[in-house]
Amino acid sequence: MSRRGTIVLAVALTLAVPAGTFGLVLLNAGVGFGAAWPVGLVLGVGWIVGMVRLLGAAAGCWAAGFGVVLWLMALGSVASARDSVILSTSGVTVTARVMAAHDYTQVKHPESTYELVDENGTPIPNGTITAGLHSHAVGDRLTVRYDPRGVATARLPEDIDVPGELAVAFGLNALVMAVTAGLGIAVVFNGRPRRVPFPPRGMVVRWPYPRTTRARR
């Protein structure tokens, strides 16, 4: 690949990060999950293929796998921040009643989910909240804030933190973009790495530089 082609690919991969997080979350809110997930699948596969093209098969697969994990974390943080923004700006505060509780004890951090209804028994849109194990019981009344359109998940008012969640969302996206851009810059100036960053024992790899040297004993 030419130097210009490498630069174009690195820029495209970097810009694909916010497109695959903020863009997907906004698309999901606007047209629904059914239309958003195929776009996310195409973006994800394209990003992985692009990383392999940029770094080569071995290093590209390793970097893409690590990047996908970070991307999923960033996507989750953006979705959570979106819900906080919706609930704080257009949410409705009501007194809800716990209609059903489901316990999850076979996980690292046991928790329970609670399905909520309003005072008339009508299910609250997207009204299933998560809290500590056995925090509430069926019949308990809780003050919650919910989105009448059902886009955002209902939350307890004290669980809404717009500044904090936006900071996490932007921070994770900036991290993934910086790592992607850094890899692109390294390839532009040093070429593709010949090995992944975990060499066999006795080998020292000056990654992403293309050469390897035998470690001295």
N, C-alpha and C. Protein backbone atom coordinates (compact mmCIF):
# COMPACT_ATOMS: atom_id res chain seq x y z
N MET A 1 0.84 -1.19 0.00
CA MET A 1 0.00 0.00 0.00
C MET A 1 0.88 1.25 0.00
N SER A 2 0.47 2.25 -0.78
CA SER A 2 1.24 3.48 -0.85
C SER A 2 1.12 4.27 0.44
N ARG A 3 2.01 5.23 0.61
CA ARG A 3 1.98 6.08 1.81
C ARG A 3 0.67 6.85 1.88
N ARG A 4 0.23 7.38 0.74
CA ARG A 4 -1.03 8.12 0.73
C ARG A 4 -2.20 7.21 1.08
N GLY A 5 -2.19 5.99 0.53
CA GLY A 5 -3.26 5.04 0.84
C GLY A 5 -3.29 4.68 2.31
N THR A 6 -2.11 4.54 2.91
CA THR A 6 -2.04 4.24 4.34
C THR A 6 -2.62 5.37 5.17
N ILE A 7 -2.31 6.60 4.79
CA ILE A 7 -2.83 7.76 5.53
C ILE A 7 -4.35 7.81 5.42
N VAL A 8 -4.88 7.62 4.22
CA VAL A 8 -6.33 7.65 4.01
C VAL A 8 -7.01 6.56 4.83
N LEU A 9 -6.44 5.37 4.82
CA LEU A 9 -7.02 4.26 5.58
C LEU A 9 -6.99 4.54 7.07
N ALA A 10 -5.88 5.08 7.58
CA ALA A 10 -5.78 5.38 9.01
C ALA A 10 -6.79 6.44 9.43
N VAL A 11 -6.97 7.46 8.59
CA VAL A 11 -7.96 8.51 8.89
C VAL A 11 -9.37 7.92 8.90
N ALA A 12 -9.66 7.07 7.90
CA ALA A 12 -10.99 6.46 7.82
C ALA A 12 -11.27 5.59 9.03
N LEU A 13 -10.29 4.81 9.46
CA LEU A 13 -10.47 3.95 10.63
C LEU A 13 -10.68 4.77 11.90
N THR A 14 -9.96 5.88 12.00
CA THR A 14 -10.11 6.75 13.18
C THR A 14 -11.49 7.38 13.23
N LEU A 15 -11.96 7.89 12.09
CA LEU A 15 -13.29 8.52 12.04
C LEU A 15 -14.41 7.50 12.18
N ALA A 16 -14.13 6.25 11.86
CA ALA A 16 -15.16 5.22 11.98
C ALA A 16 -15.52 4.93 13.43
N VAL A 17 -14.63 5.30 14.35
CA VAL A 17 -14.89 5.04 15.78
C VAL A 17 -16.11 5.80 16.27
N PRO A 18 -16.15 7.16 16.16
CA PRO A 18 -17.36 7.85 16.61
C PRO A 18 -18.58 7.53 15.76
N ALA A 19 -18.36 7.20 14.49
CA ALA A 19 -19.49 6.81 13.64
C ALA A 19 -20.11 5.51 14.15
N GLY A 20 -19.27 4.63 14.68
CA GLY A 20 -19.75 3.35 15.18
C GLY A 20 -20.25 3.40 16.61
N THR A 21 -20.13 4.52 17.28
CA THR A 21 -20.66 4.65 18.65
C THR A 21 -21.77 5.69 18.69
N PHE A 22 -21.41 6.97 18.58
CA PHE A 22 -22.42 8.03 18.60
C PHE A 22 -23.40 7.87 17.44
N GLY A 23 -22.87 7.55 16.25
CA GLY A 23 -23.74 7.41 15.09
C GLY A 23 -24.74 6.28 15.25
N LEU A 24 -24.27 5.13 15.73
CA LEU A 24 -25.17 3.98 15.90
C LEU A 24 -26.22 4.23 16.97
N VAL A 25 -25.82 4.87 18.06
CA VAL A 25 -26.76 5.14 19.14
C VAL A 25 -27.84 6.11 18.67
N LEU A 26 -27.46 7.14 17.92
CA LEU A 26 -28.46 8.08 17.40
C LEU A 26 -29.35 7.40 16.37
N LEU A 27 -28.77 6.54 15.54
CA LEU A 27 -29.56 5.82 14.55
C LEU A 27 -30.56 4.89 15.22
N ASN A 28 -30.13 4.23 16.27
CA ASN A 28 -31.01 3.34 17.02
C ASN A 28 -32.17 4.10 17.64
N ALA A 29 -31.88 5.30 18.15
CA ALA A 29 -32.94 6.11 18.75
C ALA A 29 -33.92 6.62 17.70
N GLY A 30 -33.41 6.86 16.49
CA GLY A 30 -34.27 7.42 15.45
C GLY A 30 -35.09 6.40 14.69
N VAL A 31 -34.47 5.29 14.30
CA VAL A 31 -35.17 4.33 13.43
C VAL A 31 -35.36 2.97 14.09
N GLY A 32 -34.76 2.74 15.24
CA GLY A 32 -34.94 1.47 15.94
C GLY A 32 -33.77 0.52 15.75
N PHE A 33 -33.75 -0.49 16.62
CA PHE A 33 -32.65 -1.45 16.63
C PHE A 33 -32.60 -2.28 15.35
N GLY A 34 -33.77 -2.58 14.78
CA GLY A 34 -33.83 -3.42 13.60
C GLY A 34 -33.07 -2.86 12.42
N ALA A 35 -33.06 -1.53 12.29
CA ALA A 35 -32.33 -0.89 11.20
C ALA A 35 -30.90 -0.55 11.60
N ALA A 36 -30.65 -0.42 12.89
CA ALA A 36 -29.32 0.01 13.33
C ALA A 36 -28.31 -1.13 13.37
N TRP A 37 -28.76 -2.35 13.73
CA TRP A 37 -27.77 -3.42 13.90
C TRP A 37 -27.09 -3.83 12.59
N PRO A 38 -27.78 -3.85 11.42
CA PRO A 38 -27.03 -4.18 10.20
C PRO A 38 -25.94 -3.15 9.89
N VAL A 39 -26.24 -1.88 10.16
CA VAL A 39 -25.24 -0.83 9.94
C VAL A 39 -24.05 -1.05 10.88
N GLY A 40 -24.34 -1.38 12.13
CA GLY A 40 -23.27 -1.65 13.08
C GLY A 40 -22.43 -2.84 12.67
N LEU A 41 -23.09 -3.88 12.14
CA LEU A 41 -22.36 -5.06 11.69
C LEU A 41 -21.42 -4.73 10.54
N VAL A 42 -21.92 -3.95 9.59
CA VAL A 42 -21.09 -3.56 8.44
C VAL A 42 -19.91 -2.71 8.90
N LEU A 43 -20.16 -1.75 9.80
CA LEU A 43 -19.08 -0.91 10.31
C LEU A 43 -18.04 -1.74 11.06
N GLY A 44 -18.52 -2.66 11.90
CA GLY A 44 -17.59 -3.48 12.67
C GLY A 44 -16.72 -4.36 11.80
N VAL A 45 -17.33 -5.04 10.86
CA VAL A 45 -16.56 -5.91 9.96
C VAL A 45 -15.60 -5.08 9.12
N GLY A 46 -16.08 -3.94 8.63
CA GLY A 46 -15.22 -3.07 7.83
C GLY A 46 -14.04 -2.55 8.61
N TRP A 47 -14.26 -2.24 9.89
CA TRP A 47 -13.17 -1.72 10.73
C TRP A 47 -12.12 -2.81 10.97
N ILE A 48 -12.58 -4.03 11.22
CA ILE A 48 -11.65 -5.14 11.43
C ILE A 48 -10.82 -5.40 10.17
N VAL A 49 -11.50 -5.44 9.02
CA VAL A 49 -10.79 -5.65 7.76
C VAL A 49 -9.79 -4.53 7.51
N GLY A 50 -10.19 -3.30 7.84
CA GLY A 50 -9.30 -2.17 7.66
C GLY A 50 -8.06 -2.26 8.53
N MET A 51 -8.23 -2.71 9.79
CA MET A 51 -7.08 -2.86 10.68
C MET A 51 -6.12 -3.92 10.17
N VAL A 52 -6.68 -5.02 9.65
CA VAL A 52 -5.82 -6.07 9.09
C VAL A 52 -5.09 -5.54 7.87
N ARG A 53 -5.78 -4.74 7.06
CA ARG A 53 -5.14 -4.13 5.89
C ARG A 53 -4.05 -3.16 6.29
N LEU A 54 -4.27 -2.43 7.38
CA LEU A 54 -3.30 -1.43 7.83
C LEU A 54 -2.07 -2.07 8.45
N LEU A 55 -2.27 -3.06 9.32
CA LEU A 55 -1.17 -3.60 10.12
C LEU A 55 -0.65 -4.95 9.63
N GLY A 56 -1.38 -5.58 8.73
CA GLY A 56 -1.01 -6.94 8.35
C GLY A 56 -1.85 -7.94 9.12
N ALA A 57 -1.81 -9.21 8.68
CA ALA A 57 -2.71 -10.21 9.23
C ALA A 57 -2.51 -10.44 10.73
N ALA A 58 -1.29 -10.71 11.17
CA ALA A 58 -1.05 -11.07 12.58
C ALA A 58 -1.34 -9.90 13.52
N ALA A 59 -0.62 -8.81 13.33
CA ALA A 59 -0.80 -7.66 14.21
C ALA A 59 -2.17 -7.04 14.03
N GLY A 60 -2.71 -7.06 12.81
CA GLY A 60 -4.02 -6.49 12.55
C GLY A 60 -5.12 -7.22 13.29
N CYS A 61 -5.08 -8.54 13.30
CA CYS A 61 -6.09 -9.33 14.01
C CYS A 61 -6.01 -9.07 15.52
N TRP A 62 -4.76 -9.02 16.04
CA TRP A 62 -4.60 -8.74 17.48
C TRP A 62 -5.15 -7.36 17.84
N ALA A 63 -4.77 -6.35 17.06
CA ALA A 63 -5.22 -4.99 17.34
C ALA A 63 -6.72 -4.85 17.15
N ALA A 64 -7.28 -5.51 16.14
CA ALA A 64 -8.72 -5.43 15.90
C ALA A 64 -9.50 -6.07 17.05
N GLY A 65 -9.02 -7.21 17.55
CA GLY A 65 -9.70 -7.85 18.66
C GLY A 65 -9.71 -6.98 19.91
N PHE A 66 -8.55 -6.39 20.21
CA PHE A 66 -8.47 -5.49 21.36
C PHE A 66 -9.34 -4.25 21.12
N GLY A 67 -9.32 -3.75 19.88
CA GLY A 67 -10.10 -2.56 19.56
C GLY A 67 -11.60 -2.79 19.65
N VAL A 68 -12.06 -3.99 19.27
CA VAL A 68 -13.49 -4.29 19.34
C VAL A 68 -13.97 -4.27 20.79
N VAL A 69 -13.13 -4.78 21.71
CA VAL A 69 -13.50 -4.74 23.12
C VAL A 69 -13.66 -3.30 23.59
N LEU A 70 -12.69 -2.45 23.24
CA LEU A 70 -12.79 -1.04 23.61
C LEU A 70 -13.98 -0.37 22.95
N TRP A 71 -14.24 -0.75 21.69
CA TRP A 71 -15.37 -0.16 20.97
C TRP A 71 -16.70 -0.52 21.65
N LEU A 72 -16.84 -1.77 22.08
CA LEU A 72 -18.08 -2.16 22.76
C LEU A 72 -18.25 -1.40 24.07
N MET A 73 -17.15 -1.18 24.78
CA MET A 73 -17.22 -0.39 26.00
C MET A 73 -17.64 1.04 25.69
N ALA A 74 -17.07 1.61 24.63
CA ALA A 74 -17.42 2.98 24.24
C ALA A 74 -18.87 3.06 23.80
N LEU A 75 -19.33 2.05 23.04
CA LEU A 75 -20.72 2.02 22.58
C LEU A 75 -21.68 1.98 23.76
N GLY A 76 -21.37 1.13 24.74
CA GLY A 76 -22.22 1.05 25.92
C GLY A 76 -22.27 2.36 26.70
N SER A 77 -21.12 3.02 26.81
CA SER A 77 -21.08 4.29 27.54
C SER A 77 -21.87 5.37 26.82
N VAL A 78 -21.83 5.38 25.48
CA VAL A 78 -22.60 6.36 24.71
C VAL A 78 -24.09 6.11 24.87
N ALA A 79 -24.49 4.83 24.80
CA ALA A 79 -25.91 4.50 24.97
C ALA A 79 -26.41 4.91 26.35
N SER A 80 -25.59 4.67 27.37
CA SER A 80 -25.98 5.04 28.72
C SER A 80 -26.08 6.56 28.87
N ALA A 81 -25.12 7.27 28.27
CA ALA A 81 -25.16 8.74 28.32
C ALA A 81 -26.38 9.27 27.58
N ARG A 82 -26.73 8.66 26.45
CA ARG A 82 -27.92 9.08 25.71
C ARG A 82 -29.16 8.94 26.58
N ASP A 83 -29.29 7.81 27.30
CA ASP A 83 -30.45 7.62 28.16
C ASP A 83 -30.52 8.69 29.24
N SER A 84 -29.37 9.02 29.82
CA SER A 84 -29.35 10.05 30.86
C SER A 84 -29.79 11.39 30.32
N VAL A 85 -29.32 11.74 29.11
CA VAL A 85 -29.71 13.01 28.51
C VAL A 85 -31.21 13.04 28.24
N ILE A 86 -31.75 11.96 27.68
CA ILE A 86 -33.19 11.90 27.37
C ILE A 86 -34.01 12.02 28.64
N LEU A 87 -33.64 11.27 29.66
CA LEU A 87 -34.40 11.28 30.91
C LEU A 87 -34.34 12.63 31.61
N SER A 88 -33.19 13.29 31.53
CA SER A 88 -33.06 14.57 32.22
C SER A 88 -33.77 15.70 31.48
N THR A 89 -33.90 15.60 30.17
CA THR A 89 -34.50 16.68 29.39
C THR A 89 -35.98 16.49 29.10
N SER A 90 -36.39 15.25 28.84
CA SER A 90 -37.79 15.03 28.46
C SER A 90 -38.44 13.89 29.23
N GLY A 91 -37.77 13.39 30.27
CA GLY A 91 -38.34 12.30 31.05
C GLY A 91 -39.46 12.76 31.96
N VAL A 92 -40.24 11.81 32.43
CA VAL A 92 -41.37 12.07 33.32
C VAL A 92 -41.13 11.33 34.63
N THR A 93 -41.31 12.03 35.74
CA THR A 93 -41.13 11.43 37.06
C THR A 93 -42.47 10.94 37.59
N VAL A 94 -42.54 9.67 37.97
CA VAL A 94 -43.78 9.09 38.48
C VAL A 94 -43.46 8.19 39.66
N THR A 95 -44.51 7.84 40.38
CA THR A 95 -44.39 6.81 41.41
C THR A 95 -44.82 5.49 40.80
N ALA A 96 -43.90 4.57 40.71
CA ALA A 96 -44.17 3.28 40.07
C ALA A 96 -44.22 2.18 41.12
N ARG A 97 -44.80 1.06 40.70
CA ARG A 97 -44.90 -0.10 41.59
C ARG A 97 -44.18 -1.27 40.95
N VAL A 98 -43.46 -2.03 41.78
CA VAL A 98 -42.74 -3.20 41.28
C VAL A 98 -43.74 -4.32 41.02
N MET A 99 -43.84 -4.73 39.75
CA MET A 99 -44.78 -5.79 39.37
C MET A 99 -44.12 -7.16 39.42
N ALA A 100 -42.82 -7.23 39.08
CA ALA A 100 -42.12 -8.51 39.07
C ALA A 100 -40.65 -8.26 39.34
N ALA A 101 -40.01 -9.25 39.94
CA ALA A 101 -38.58 -9.16 40.24
C ALA A 101 -37.90 -10.43 39.75
N HIS A 102 -36.69 -10.26 39.20
CA HIS A 102 -35.92 -11.40 38.70
C HIS A 102 -34.51 -11.30 39.27
N ASP A 103 -34.08 -12.37 39.94
CA ASP A 103 -32.77 -12.38 40.58
C ASP A 103 -31.75 -13.09 39.69
N TYR A 104 -30.53 -12.54 39.67
CA TYR A 104 -29.41 -13.14 38.93
C TYR A 104 -28.27 -13.34 39.91
N THR A 105 -28.17 -14.57 40.39
CA THR A 105 -27.17 -14.86 41.42
C THR A 105 -25.95 -15.59 40.87
N GLN A 106 -26.02 -16.13 39.65
CA GLN A 106 -24.90 -16.88 39.08
C GLN A 106 -23.96 -15.98 38.28
N VAL A 107 -23.77 -14.77 38.75
CA VAL A 107 -22.87 -13.83 38.09
C VAL A 107 -21.89 -13.30 39.12
N LYS A 108 -20.87 -12.60 38.65
CA LYS A 108 -19.83 -12.11 39.56
C LYS A 108 -20.41 -11.15 40.57
N HIS A 109 -21.33 -10.26 40.11
CA HIS A 109 -21.96 -9.30 41.01
C HIS A 109 -23.47 -9.55 40.96
N PRO A 110 -24.00 -10.34 41.90
CA PRO A 110 -25.44 -10.65 41.90
C PRO A 110 -26.29 -9.38 41.89
N GLU A 111 -27.37 -9.43 41.13
CA GLU A 111 -28.25 -8.28 41.02
C GLU A 111 -29.66 -8.76 40.72
N SER A 112 -30.59 -7.82 40.74
CA SER A 112 -31.98 -8.12 40.42
C SER A 112 -32.51 -7.09 39.44
N THR A 113 -33.45 -7.51 38.61
CA THR A 113 -34.15 -6.57 37.73
C THR A 113 -35.60 -6.48 38.19
N TYR A 114 -36.19 -5.31 38.00
CA TYR A 114 -37.54 -5.06 38.50
C TYR A 114 -38.39 -4.45 37.40
N GLU A 115 -39.50 -5.11 37.10
CA GLU A 115 -40.44 -4.61 36.10
C GLU A 115 -41.43 -3.69 36.80
N LEU A 116 -41.61 -2.49 36.22
CA LEU A 116 -42.40 -1.45 36.87
C LEU A 116 -43.70 -1.16 36.13
N VAL A 117 -44.72 -0.84 36.88
CA VAL A 117 -46.00 -0.38 36.33
C VAL A 117 -46.39 0.90 37.05
N ASP A 118 -47.28 1.68 36.43
CA ASP A 118 -47.72 2.91 37.10
C ASP A 118 -48.84 2.58 38.08
N GLU A 119 -49.42 3.61 38.68
CA GLU A 119 -50.44 3.40 39.71
C GLU A 119 -51.69 2.72 39.16
N ASN A 120 -51.90 2.79 37.85
CA ASN A 120 -53.07 2.16 37.22
C ASN A 120 -52.76 0.75 36.75
N GLY A 121 -51.53 0.30 36.95
CA GLY A 121 -51.17 -1.05 36.52
C GLY A 121 -50.67 -1.13 35.09
N THR A 122 -50.49 0.02 34.43
CA THR A 122 -50.00 0.04 33.06
C THR A 122 -48.48 -0.05 33.06
N PRO A 123 -47.91 -0.99 32.30
CA PRO A 123 -46.44 -1.10 32.27
C PRO A 123 -45.79 0.21 31.82
N ILE A 124 -44.73 0.60 32.49
CA ILE A 124 -43.99 1.80 32.12
C ILE A 124 -43.11 1.49 30.91
N PRO A 125 -43.12 2.34 29.89
CA PRO A 125 -42.30 2.09 28.69
C PRO A 125 -40.83 1.90 29.04
N ASN A 126 -40.28 0.78 28.58
CA ASN A 126 -38.88 0.45 28.86
C ASN A 126 -38.61 0.57 30.37
N GLY A 127 -39.55 0.05 31.13
CA GLY A 127 -39.54 0.27 32.58
C GLY A 127 -39.01 -0.88 33.40
N THR A 128 -37.91 -1.48 32.97
CA THR A 128 -37.24 -2.49 33.78
C THR A 128 -35.93 -1.92 34.29
N ILE A 129 -35.80 -1.80 35.59
CA ILE A 129 -34.58 -1.23 36.16
C ILE A 129 -33.75 -2.33 36.81
N THR A 130 -32.47 -2.07 36.96
CA THR A 130 -31.55 -3.01 37.59
C THR A 130 -31.03 -2.41 38.88
N ALA A 131 -31.00 -3.20 39.92
CA ALA A 131 -30.50 -2.73 41.22
C ALA A 131 -29.87 -3.90 41.95
N GLY A 132 -29.40 -3.65 43.14
CA GLY A 132 -28.76 -4.68 43.93
C GLY A 132 -29.70 -5.84 44.23
N LEU A 133 -29.13 -7.00 44.50
CA LEU A 133 -29.92 -8.20 44.76
C LEU A 133 -30.87 -7.96 45.93
N HIS A 134 -32.16 -8.21 45.68
CA HIS A 134 -33.21 -8.10 46.69
C HIS A 134 -33.32 -6.67 47.25
N SER A 135 -32.97 -5.68 46.43
CA SER A 135 -33.09 -4.29 46.89
C SER A 135 -34.56 -3.89 47.07
N HIS A 136 -35.43 -4.48 46.26
CA HIS A 136 -36.85 -4.16 46.32
C HIS A 136 -37.65 -5.46 46.27
N ALA A 137 -38.92 -5.35 46.61
CA ALA A 137 -39.81 -6.50 46.58
C ALA A 137 -41.03 -6.17 45.74
N VAL A 138 -41.71 -7.20 45.27
CA VAL A 138 -42.93 -7.00 44.49
C VAL A 138 -43.94 -6.23 45.34
N GLY A 139 -44.49 -5.18 44.77
CA GLY A 139 -45.44 -4.33 45.48
C GLY A 139 -44.82 -3.05 46.01
N ASP A 140 -43.50 -2.98 46.09
CA ASP A 140 -42.84 -1.75 46.54
C ASP A 140 -43.12 -0.62 45.56
N ARG A 141 -43.19 0.59 46.10
CA ARG A 141 -43.38 1.78 45.28
C ARG A 141 -42.06 2.56 45.19
N LEU A 142 -41.72 2.94 43.97
CA LEU A 142 -40.47 3.64 43.72
C LEU A 142 -40.73 4.89 42.90
N THR A 143 -39.95 5.93 43.17
CA THR A 143 -39.99 7.13 42.33
C THR A 143 -38.99 6.94 41.21
N VAL A 144 -39.47 6.93 39.99
CA VAL A 144 -38.60 6.71 38.83
C VAL A 144 -38.85 7.79 37.78
N ARG A 145 -37.90 7.90 36.89
CA ARG A 145 -38.04 8.81 35.75
C ARG A 145 -37.96 7.95 34.49
N TYR A 146 -38.95 8.14 33.59
CA TYR A 146 -38.99 7.31 32.39
C TYR A 146 -39.22 8.16 31.15
N ASP A 147 -38.93 7.55 30.01
CA ASP A 147 -39.08 8.20 28.72
C ASP A 147 -40.41 7.75 28.11
N PRO A 148 -41.36 8.65 27.88
CA PRO A 148 -42.66 8.25 27.33
C PRO A 148 -42.55 7.54 25.98
N ARG A 149 -41.49 7.83 25.20
CA ARG A 149 -41.32 7.17 23.90
C ARG A 149 -40.73 5.77 24.05
N GLY A 150 -40.17 5.47 25.22
CA GLY A 150 -39.60 4.15 25.44
C GLY A 150 -38.22 3.95 24.86
N VAL A 151 -37.57 5.04 24.45
CA VAL A 151 -36.21 4.92 23.90
C VAL A 151 -35.20 4.69 25.02
N ALA A 152 -35.29 5.51 26.05
CA ALA A 152 -34.37 5.40 27.19
C ALA A 152 -34.95 4.47 28.24
N THR A 153 -34.07 3.76 28.92
CA THR A 153 -34.49 2.87 30.00
C THR A 153 -34.79 3.68 31.25
N ALA A 154 -35.90 3.35 31.91
CA ALA A 154 -36.27 4.06 33.14
C ALA A 154 -35.17 3.92 34.19
N ARG A 155 -35.03 4.96 35.01
CA ARG A 155 -34.03 4.94 36.07
C ARG A 155 -34.57 5.63 37.32
N LEU A 156 -33.93 5.32 38.43
CA LEU A 156 -34.17 6.10 39.64
C LEU A 156 -33.53 7.47 39.43
N PRO A 157 -34.16 8.54 39.92
CA PRO A 157 -33.61 9.90 39.70
C PRO A 157 -32.15 10.04 40.13
N GLU A 158 -31.77 9.37 41.21
CA GLU A 158 -30.40 9.51 41.70
C GLU A 158 -29.38 8.79 40.82
N ASP A 159 -29.85 7.96 39.90
CA ASP A 159 -28.94 7.23 39.00
C ASP A 159 -28.67 7.98 37.70
N ILE A 160 -29.25 9.16 37.55
CA ILE A 160 -29.05 9.96 36.33
C ILE A 160 -27.90 10.93 36.56
N ASP A 161 -26.84 10.77 35.80
CA ASP A 161 -25.64 11.61 35.94
C ASP A 161 -25.16 12.00 34.54
N VAL A 162 -25.73 13.06 34.00
CA VAL A 162 -25.42 13.46 32.62
C VAL A 162 -23.95 13.87 32.46
N PRO A 163 -23.42 14.78 33.28
CA PRO A 163 -22.01 15.18 33.08
C PRO A 163 -21.04 14.01 33.21
N GLY A 164 -21.24 13.17 34.21
CA GLY A 164 -20.32 12.05 34.42
C GLY A 164 -20.36 11.05 33.29
N GLU A 165 -21.56 10.72 32.81
CA GLU A 165 -21.67 9.73 31.75
C GLU A 165 -21.19 10.27 30.41
N LEU A 166 -21.42 11.55 30.16
CA LEU A 166 -20.89 12.14 28.92
C LEU A 166 -19.37 12.16 28.95
N ALA A 167 -18.79 12.44 30.12
CA ALA A 167 -17.33 12.46 30.23
C ALA A 167 -16.76 11.08 29.94
N VAL A 168 -17.39 10.03 30.46
CA VAL A 168 -16.91 8.67 30.21
C VAL A 168 -17.05 8.32 28.73
N ALA A 169 -18.20 8.69 28.13
CA ALA A 169 -18.44 8.38 26.71
C ALA A 169 -17.41 9.05 25.82
N PHE A 170 -17.20 10.34 26.02
CA PHE A 170 -16.22 11.06 25.19
C PHE A 170 -14.80 10.56 25.47
N GLY A 171 -14.52 10.24 26.73
CA GLY A 171 -13.18 9.77 27.06
C GLY A 171 -12.85 8.44 26.42
N LEU A 172 -13.78 7.48 26.46
CA LEU A 172 -13.53 6.19 25.84
C LEU A 172 -13.40 6.30 24.32
N ASN A 173 -14.24 7.14 23.72
CA ASN A 173 -14.14 7.33 22.27
C ASN A 173 -12.82 7.98 21.90
N ALA A 174 -12.39 8.96 22.69
CA ALA A 174 -11.11 9.62 22.43
C ALA A 174 -9.96 8.62 22.56
N LEU A 175 -10.05 7.71 23.53
CA LEU A 175 -9.01 6.70 23.71
C LEU A 175 -8.90 5.79 22.50
N VAL A 176 -10.04 5.27 22.03
CA VAL A 176 -10.01 4.36 20.88
C VAL A 176 -9.52 5.10 19.63
N MET A 177 -9.96 6.35 19.45
CA MET A 177 -9.51 7.12 18.30
C MET A 177 -8.01 7.40 18.37
N ALA A 178 -7.52 7.71 19.57
CA ALA A 178 -6.08 8.00 19.72
C ALA A 178 -5.24 6.76 19.44
N VAL A 179 -5.69 5.60 19.93
CA VAL A 179 -4.95 4.36 19.67
C VAL A 179 -4.95 4.05 18.19
N THR A 180 -6.10 4.19 17.55
CA THR A 180 -6.19 3.91 16.11
C THR A 180 -5.30 4.85 15.31
N ALA A 181 -5.38 6.14 15.63
CA ALA A 181 -4.56 7.12 14.93
C ALA A 181 -3.07 6.87 15.19
N GLY A 182 -2.73 6.50 16.42
CA GLY A 182 -1.33 6.23 16.74
C GLY A 182 -0.78 5.06 15.96
N LEU A 183 -1.58 4.01 15.80
CA LEU A 183 -1.14 2.87 15.00
C LEU A 183 -0.94 3.27 13.54
N GLY A 184 -1.86 4.11 13.05
CA GLY A 184 -1.71 4.58 11.67
C GLY A 184 -0.45 5.39 11.46
N ILE A 185 -0.16 6.28 12.40
CA ILE A 185 1.05 7.10 12.31
C ILE A 185 2.30 6.23 12.36
N ALA A 186 2.28 5.21 13.25
CA ALA A 186 3.43 4.32 13.36
C ALA A 186 3.69 3.58 12.05
N VAL A 187 2.61 3.14 11.39
CA VAL A 187 2.77 2.42 10.13
C VAL A 187 3.26 3.36 9.04
N VAL A 188 2.76 4.59 9.02
CA VAL A 188 3.18 5.56 8.00
C VAL A 188 4.68 5.80 8.07
N PHE A 189 5.21 5.93 9.27
CA PHE A 189 6.63 6.27 9.43
C PHE A 189 7.54 5.05 9.54
N ASN A 190 7.03 3.93 10.01
CA ASN A 190 7.88 2.77 10.26
C ASN A 190 7.53 1.52 9.46
N GLY A 191 6.42 1.55 8.76
CA GLY A 191 6.00 0.37 8.04
C GLY A 191 5.23 -0.59 8.93
N ARG A 192 4.71 -1.64 8.32
CA ARG A 192 3.94 -2.63 9.07
C ARG A 192 4.84 -3.41 10.03
N PRO A 193 4.30 -3.78 11.20
CA PRO A 193 5.06 -4.68 12.08
C PRO A 193 5.08 -6.08 11.49
N ARG A 194 6.19 -6.79 11.66
CA ARG A 194 6.29 -8.15 11.16
C ARG A 194 5.79 -9.18 12.14
N ARG A 195 5.67 -8.77 13.40
CA ARG A 195 5.18 -9.69 14.42
C ARG A 195 4.20 -8.97 15.32
N VAL A 196 3.38 -9.76 16.02
CA VAL A 196 2.48 -9.18 17.01
C VAL A 196 3.31 -8.75 18.21
N PRO A 197 2.74 -7.94 19.13
CA PRO A 197 3.53 -7.44 20.26
C PRO A 197 3.91 -8.48 21.29
N PHE A 198 3.61 -9.75 21.06
CA PHE A 198 3.97 -10.79 22.02
C PHE A 198 4.87 -11.80 21.33
N PRO A 199 6.20 -11.56 21.31
CA PRO A 199 7.12 -12.42 20.57
C PRO A 199 7.41 -13.72 21.31
N PRO A 200 8.00 -14.69 20.61
CA PRO A 200 8.44 -15.91 21.30
C PRO A 200 9.50 -15.57 22.34
N ARG A 201 9.67 -16.46 23.28
CA ARG A 201 10.65 -16.23 24.34
C ARG A 201 12.05 -16.12 23.74
N GLY A 202 12.79 -15.14 24.20
CA GLY A 202 14.14 -14.92 23.69
C GLY A 202 14.20 -13.92 22.57
N MET A 203 13.02 -13.43 22.11
CA MET A 203 13.00 -12.44 21.04
C MET A 203 12.53 -11.11 21.61
N VAL A 204 13.18 -10.04 21.22
CA VAL A 204 12.77 -8.70 21.61
C VAL A 204 12.27 -7.99 20.37
N VAL A 205 11.00 -7.57 20.40
CA VAL A 205 10.41 -6.91 19.24
C VAL A 205 10.26 -5.43 19.51
N ARG A 206 10.85 -4.63 18.68
CA ARG A 206 10.69 -3.18 18.80
C ARG A 206 9.48 -2.78 17.98
N TRP A 207 8.30 -3.17 18.50
CA TRP A 207 7.06 -2.97 17.76
C TRP A 207 6.64 -1.51 17.86
N PRO A 208 6.14 -0.89 16.77
CA PRO A 208 5.77 -1.47 15.51
C PRO A 208 6.87 -1.44 14.45
N TYR A 209 8.13 -1.28 14.85
CA TYR A 209 9.21 -1.32 13.87
C TYR A 209 9.30 -2.71 13.25
N PRO A 210 9.67 -2.78 12.01
CA PRO A 210 9.62 -4.06 11.31
C PRO A 210 10.70 -5.04 11.68
N ARG A 211 11.78 -4.59 12.30
CA ARG A 211 12.88 -5.50 12.56
C ARG A 211 12.81 -6.08 13.96
N THR A 212 13.33 -7.29 14.10
CA THR A 212 13.43 -7.94 15.40
C THR A 212 14.87 -8.28 15.66
N THR A 213 15.23 -8.35 16.93
CA THR A 213 16.61 -8.67 17.30
C THR A 213 16.59 -9.76 18.34
N ARG A 214 17.61 -10.61 18.30
CA ARG A 214 17.76 -11.67 19.29
C ARG A 214 18.24 -11.10 20.61
N ALA A 215 17.52 -11.45 21.69
CA ALA A 215 17.89 -10.93 23.01
C ALA A 215 19.22 -11.51 23.44
N ARG A 216 20.04 -10.66 24.06
CA ARG A 216 21.31 -11.11 24.58
C ARG A 216 21.12 -11.86 25.89
N ARG A 217 21.94 -12.87 26.04
CA ARG A 217 21.87 -13.63 27.29
C ARG A 217 22.89 -13.11 28.28
